[in-house]
Amino acid sequence: MALTTEDVRKIASLARLRFSPDEERVFTEQLGHIVEYIDQLQRYETGEGEAAPASPVREAEDRPRPCLPRDVFLANAPASALGEFLVVPEVKGGGGDA
C-alpha cells in the first residue's frame, strides 16, 4: 500500500499537527516505509508471497523462576527505604473514575 502526501495530511489533521511542505515529503517517505514493512510482515504471517516458517515458533514455558536478589535490585534503584523497599513517586488520582 503506497502512502500519499494526502494520506499524511489526513493523519496530521487527525493528530492536530501542521507540517510544512518539506515535512510532508519527509513524513510521506518515512511513513510509506513503515506501511510497506507492515505489509511485508502481514504477508509473512499469512504465508502469502513468501515462504511460511517450516515449524511453528515455540513459546517459552511459563513457570516460576528465581527472582533477582533484593540487594542487587536495590543497588540499581534510584532510591530505597529501610534497605528493603523501592521508593517510587506518589501516584495521585486525577478524576472520579475509581
N, C-alpha and C. Protein backbone atom coordinates (compact mmCIF):
# COMPACT_ATOMS: atom_id res chain seq x y z
N MET A 1 0.85 -1.18 0.00
CA MET A 1 0.00 0.00 0.00
C MET A 1 0.89 1.24 0.00
N ALA A 2 0.80 2.04 -1.02
CA ALA A 2 1.58 3.26 -1.11
C ALA A 2 0.89 4.37 -0.32
N LEU A 3 1.67 5.14 0.37
CA LEU A 3 1.14 6.25 1.16
C LEU A 3 1.36 7.53 0.38
N THR A 4 0.33 8.35 0.29
CA THR A 4 0.42 9.60 -0.47
C THR A 4 0.55 10.79 0.49
N THR A 5 0.92 11.92 -0.08
CA THR A 5 1.00 13.15 0.71
C THR A 5 -0.37 13.49 1.28
N GLU A 6 -1.42 13.21 0.53
CA GLU A 6 -2.77 13.48 1.02
C GLU A 6 -3.08 12.62 2.25
N ASP A 7 -2.61 11.35 2.25
CA ASP A 7 -2.79 10.48 3.42
C ASP A 7 -2.09 11.08 4.64
N VAL A 8 -0.88 11.58 4.44
CA VAL A 8 -0.13 12.19 5.54
C VAL A 8 -0.86 13.43 6.04
N ARG A 9 -1.43 14.21 5.15
CA ARG A 9 -2.21 15.39 5.57
C ARG A 9 -3.41 14.99 6.42
N LYS A 10 -4.09 13.91 6.02
CA LYS A 10 -5.25 13.43 6.80
C LYS A 10 -4.82 12.97 8.18
N ILE A 11 -3.71 12.21 8.23
CA ILE A 11 -3.20 11.73 9.51
C ILE A 11 -2.80 12.92 10.39
N ALA A 12 -2.12 13.89 9.81
CA ALA A 12 -1.70 15.08 10.56
C ALA A 12 -2.92 15.84 11.07
N SER A 13 -3.94 15.93 10.25
CA SER A 13 -5.17 16.63 10.66
C SER A 13 -5.81 15.92 11.84
N LEU A 14 -5.89 14.60 11.79
CA LEU A 14 -6.47 13.83 12.90
C LEU A 14 -5.66 13.99 14.18
N ALA A 15 -4.34 14.12 14.04
CA ALA A 15 -3.46 14.29 15.19
C ALA A 15 -3.29 15.77 15.57
N ARG A 16 -3.98 16.62 14.84
CA ARG A 16 -3.91 18.08 15.06
C ARG A 16 -2.48 18.59 14.95
N LEU A 17 -1.81 18.14 13.90
CA LEU A 17 -0.45 18.58 13.61
C LEU A 17 -0.44 19.37 12.31
N ARG A 18 0.49 20.29 12.21
CA ARG A 18 0.67 21.05 10.98
C ARG A 18 2.10 20.85 10.50
N PHE A 19 2.24 20.50 9.23
CA PHE A 19 3.55 20.27 8.66
C PHE A 19 3.79 21.22 7.49
N SER A 20 5.04 21.60 7.33
CA SER A 20 5.43 22.37 6.15
C SER A 20 5.48 21.40 4.97
N PRO A 21 5.50 21.93 3.74
CA PRO A 21 5.60 21.03 2.58
C PRO A 21 6.83 20.10 2.64
N ASP A 22 7.96 20.62 3.15
CA ASP A 22 9.15 19.78 3.28
C ASP A 22 8.92 18.66 4.28
N GLU A 23 8.29 18.98 5.40
CA GLU A 23 7.99 17.96 6.41
C GLU A 23 7.02 16.92 5.87
N GLU A 24 6.04 17.37 5.09
CA GLU A 24 5.08 16.42 4.49
C GLU A 24 5.81 15.42 3.60
N ARG A 25 6.76 15.90 2.81
CA ARG A 25 7.52 15.00 1.94
C ARG A 25 8.32 13.98 2.76
N VAL A 26 8.98 14.46 3.81
CA VAL A 26 9.78 13.57 4.66
C VAL A 26 8.89 12.53 5.33
N PHE A 27 7.77 12.98 5.91
CA PHE A 27 6.89 12.05 6.60
C PHE A 27 6.20 11.09 5.63
N THR A 28 5.90 11.53 4.44
CA THR A 28 5.31 10.64 3.45
C THR A 28 6.27 9.49 3.15
N GLU A 29 7.53 9.82 2.97
CA GLU A 29 8.53 8.79 2.69
C GLU A 29 8.72 7.86 3.89
N GLN A 30 8.87 8.44 5.09
CA GLN A 30 9.10 7.62 6.28
C GLN A 30 7.90 6.74 6.61
N LEU A 31 6.72 7.30 6.61
CA LEU A 31 5.53 6.52 6.90
C LEU A 31 5.27 5.48 5.82
N GLY A 32 5.61 5.82 4.58
CA GLY A 32 5.49 4.86 3.48
C GLY A 32 6.34 3.62 3.73
N HIS A 33 7.57 3.82 4.22
CA HIS A 33 8.44 2.70 4.53
C HIS A 33 7.85 1.85 5.66
N ILE A 34 7.27 2.50 6.66
CA ILE A 34 6.66 1.78 7.78
C ILE A 34 5.48 0.95 7.29
N VAL A 35 4.62 1.54 6.46
CA VAL A 35 3.46 0.81 5.94
C VAL A 35 3.91 -0.36 5.08
N GLU A 36 4.93 -0.17 4.26
CA GLU A 36 5.45 -1.26 3.44
C GLU A 36 5.97 -2.40 4.30
N TYR A 37 6.63 -2.06 5.39
CA TYR A 37 7.17 -3.08 6.29
C TYR A 37 6.03 -3.85 6.96
N ILE A 38 4.99 -3.15 7.38
CA ILE A 38 3.83 -3.82 7.98
C ILE A 38 3.18 -4.76 6.96
N ASP A 39 3.05 -4.31 5.72
CA ASP A 39 2.51 -5.17 4.67
C ASP A 39 3.38 -6.42 4.49
N GLN A 40 4.68 -6.23 4.54
CA GLN A 40 5.61 -7.36 4.40
C GLN A 40 5.41 -8.35 5.56
N LEU A 41 5.26 -7.85 6.77
CA LEU A 41 5.03 -8.73 7.92
C LEU A 41 3.72 -9.48 7.80
N GLN A 42 2.69 -8.82 7.30
CA GLN A 42 1.39 -9.49 7.14
C GLN A 42 1.48 -10.60 6.10
N ARG A 43 2.22 -10.36 5.02
CA ARG A 43 2.41 -11.41 4.02
C ARG A 43 3.13 -12.60 4.62
N TYR A 44 4.12 -12.33 5.45
CA TYR A 44 4.90 -13.39 6.07
C TYR A 44 4.01 -14.21 7.02
N GLU A 45 3.20 -13.53 7.84
CA GLU A 45 2.34 -14.21 8.80
C GLU A 45 1.30 -15.09 8.11
N THR A 46 0.78 -14.64 6.97
CA THR A 46 -0.25 -15.41 6.28
C THR A 46 0.33 -16.39 5.28
N GLY A 47 1.63 -16.28 5.03
CA GLY A 47 2.26 -17.18 4.07
C GLY A 47 2.07 -16.75 2.63
N GLU A 48 1.54 -15.55 2.39
CA GLU A 48 1.35 -15.07 1.02
C GLU A 48 2.66 -14.53 0.48
N GLY A 49 3.01 -14.95 -0.70
CA GLY A 49 4.18 -14.38 -1.37
C GLY A 49 5.49 -14.97 -0.88
N GLU A 50 5.71 -15.03 0.39
CA GLU A 50 6.96 -15.54 0.92
C GLU A 50 6.71 -16.86 1.63
N ALA A 51 7.76 -17.62 1.81
CA ALA A 51 7.62 -18.92 2.46
C ALA A 51 7.28 -18.74 3.93
N ALA A 52 6.31 -19.52 4.39
CA ALA A 52 5.95 -19.52 5.80
C ALA A 52 7.00 -20.32 6.57
N PRO A 53 7.14 -20.09 7.86
CA PRO A 53 8.14 -20.82 8.62
C PRO A 53 7.87 -22.33 8.56
N ALA A 54 8.93 -23.12 8.58
CA ALA A 54 8.81 -24.57 8.48
C ALA A 54 8.09 -25.16 9.68
N SER A 55 8.35 -24.63 10.85
CA SER A 55 7.68 -25.13 12.05
C SER A 55 7.21 -23.95 12.89
N PRO A 56 6.14 -24.13 13.66
CA PRO A 56 5.66 -23.01 14.47
C PRO A 56 6.68 -22.62 15.52
N VAL A 57 6.67 -21.37 15.88
CA VAL A 57 7.59 -20.86 16.90
C VAL A 57 7.10 -21.35 18.26
N ARG A 58 8.00 -21.91 19.03
CA ARG A 58 7.63 -22.40 20.35
C ARG A 58 7.81 -21.29 21.36
N GLU A 59 6.83 -21.15 22.23
CA GLU A 59 6.92 -20.16 23.29
C GLU A 59 7.58 -20.80 24.50
N ALA A 60 8.26 -20.00 25.28
CA ALA A 60 8.91 -20.50 26.48
C ALA A 60 7.85 -20.94 27.48
N GLU A 61 8.16 -21.97 28.19
CA GLU A 61 7.24 -22.49 29.20
C GLU A 61 7.09 -21.45 30.31
N ASP A 62 5.87 -21.20 30.71
CA ASP A 62 5.59 -20.21 31.75
C ASP A 62 5.62 -20.91 33.10
N ARG A 63 6.70 -20.71 33.83
CA ARG A 63 6.82 -21.32 35.15
C ARG A 63 7.61 -20.40 36.06
N PRO A 64 7.40 -20.53 37.37
CA PRO A 64 8.13 -19.67 38.31
C PRO A 64 9.63 -19.91 38.23
N ARG A 65 10.38 -18.84 38.37
CA ARG A 65 11.84 -18.93 38.37
C ARG A 65 12.37 -18.04 39.48
N PRO A 66 13.61 -18.25 39.87
CA PRO A 66 14.17 -17.43 40.94
C PRO A 66 14.20 -15.96 40.55
N CYS A 67 13.97 -15.10 41.53
CA CYS A 67 13.98 -13.64 41.31
C CYS A 67 15.40 -13.10 41.41
N LEU A 68 15.53 -11.86 41.00
CA LEU A 68 16.77 -11.13 41.19
C LEU A 68 16.93 -10.89 42.69
N PRO A 69 18.10 -11.13 43.27
CA PRO A 69 18.27 -10.88 44.71
C PRO A 69 17.94 -9.43 45.07
N ARG A 70 17.30 -9.24 46.21
CA ARG A 70 16.84 -7.91 46.63
C ARG A 70 17.99 -6.90 46.67
N ASP A 71 19.15 -7.28 47.19
CA ASP A 71 20.25 -6.32 47.29
C ASP A 71 20.75 -5.89 45.91
N VAL A 72 20.75 -6.79 44.94
CA VAL A 72 21.15 -6.45 43.57
C VAL A 72 20.12 -5.51 42.95
N PHE A 73 18.84 -5.82 43.14
CA PHE A 73 17.76 -4.99 42.62
C PHE A 73 17.84 -3.58 43.20
N LEU A 74 17.98 -3.47 44.53
CA LEU A 74 18.01 -2.16 45.17
C LEU A 74 19.29 -1.39 44.86
N ALA A 75 20.37 -2.08 44.52
CA ALA A 75 21.61 -1.40 44.18
C ALA A 75 21.44 -0.56 42.92
N ASN A 76 20.52 -0.95 42.03
CA ASN A 76 20.27 -0.22 40.79
C ASN A 76 19.13 0.77 40.92
N ALA A 77 18.45 0.78 42.06
CA ALA A 77 17.30 1.66 42.24
C ALA A 77 17.76 3.07 42.57
N PRO A 78 17.01 4.09 42.10
CA PRO A 78 17.38 5.47 42.42
C PRO A 78 17.19 5.79 43.90
N ALA A 79 16.25 5.11 44.57
CA ALA A 79 16.02 5.35 46.00
C ALA A 79 15.39 4.12 46.62
N SER A 80 15.76 3.87 47.90
CA SER A 80 15.15 2.76 48.62
C SER A 80 14.88 3.20 50.06
N ALA A 81 14.03 2.45 50.74
CA ALA A 81 13.69 2.77 52.12
C ALA A 81 13.93 1.55 52.98
N LEU A 82 14.56 1.75 54.12
CA LEU A 82 14.83 0.68 55.08
C LEU A 82 15.63 -0.46 54.48
N GLY A 83 16.30 -0.21 53.37
CA GLY A 83 17.11 -1.24 52.75
C GLY A 83 16.33 -2.40 52.17
N GLU A 84 15.00 -2.28 52.14
CA GLU A 84 14.17 -3.39 51.66
C GLU A 84 13.20 -2.99 50.56
N PHE A 85 12.85 -1.72 50.49
CA PHE A 85 11.76 -1.30 49.62
C PHE A 85 12.23 -0.29 48.58
N LEU A 86 11.65 -0.38 47.41
CA LEU A 86 11.91 0.56 46.34
C LEU A 86 11.02 1.78 46.56
N VAL A 87 11.59 2.97 46.49
CA VAL A 87 10.82 4.20 46.65
C VAL A 87 10.43 4.70 45.27
N VAL A 88 9.14 4.95 45.08
CA VAL A 88 8.63 5.44 43.80
C VAL A 88 7.86 6.72 44.03
N PRO A 89 7.68 7.54 42.97
CA PRO A 89 6.90 8.78 43.13
C PRO A 89 5.45 8.46 43.48
N GLU A 90 4.84 9.36 44.23
CA GLU A 90 3.44 9.20 44.60
C GLU A 90 2.56 9.31 43.37
N VAL A 91 1.57 8.46 43.29
CA VAL A 91 0.62 8.48 42.19
C VAL A 91 -0.68 9.07 42.72
N LYS A 92 -1.12 10.17 42.10
CA LYS A 92 -2.33 10.83 42.56
C LYS A 92 -3.42 10.66 41.52
N GLY A 93 -4.62 10.36 41.98
CA GLY A 93 -5.74 10.21 41.06
C GLY A 93 -6.15 11.55 40.50
N GLY A 94 -6.58 11.54 39.25
CA GLY A 94 -6.95 12.78 38.61
C GLY A 94 -8.45 12.98 38.48
N GLY A 95 -9.19 11.89 38.49
CA GLY A 95 -10.62 12.02 38.28
C GLY A 95 -11.39 11.14 39.23
N GLY A 96 -12.67 11.09 39.04
CA GLY A 96 -13.54 10.31 39.88
C GLY A 96 -13.85 8.95 39.30
N ASP A 97 -12.93 8.39 38.49
CA ASP A 97 -13.19 7.12 37.81
C ASP A 97 -13.07 5.93 38.74
N ALA A 98 -12.34 6.06 39.85
CA ALA A 98 -12.05 4.90 40.69
C ALA A 98 -13.16 4.56 41.61
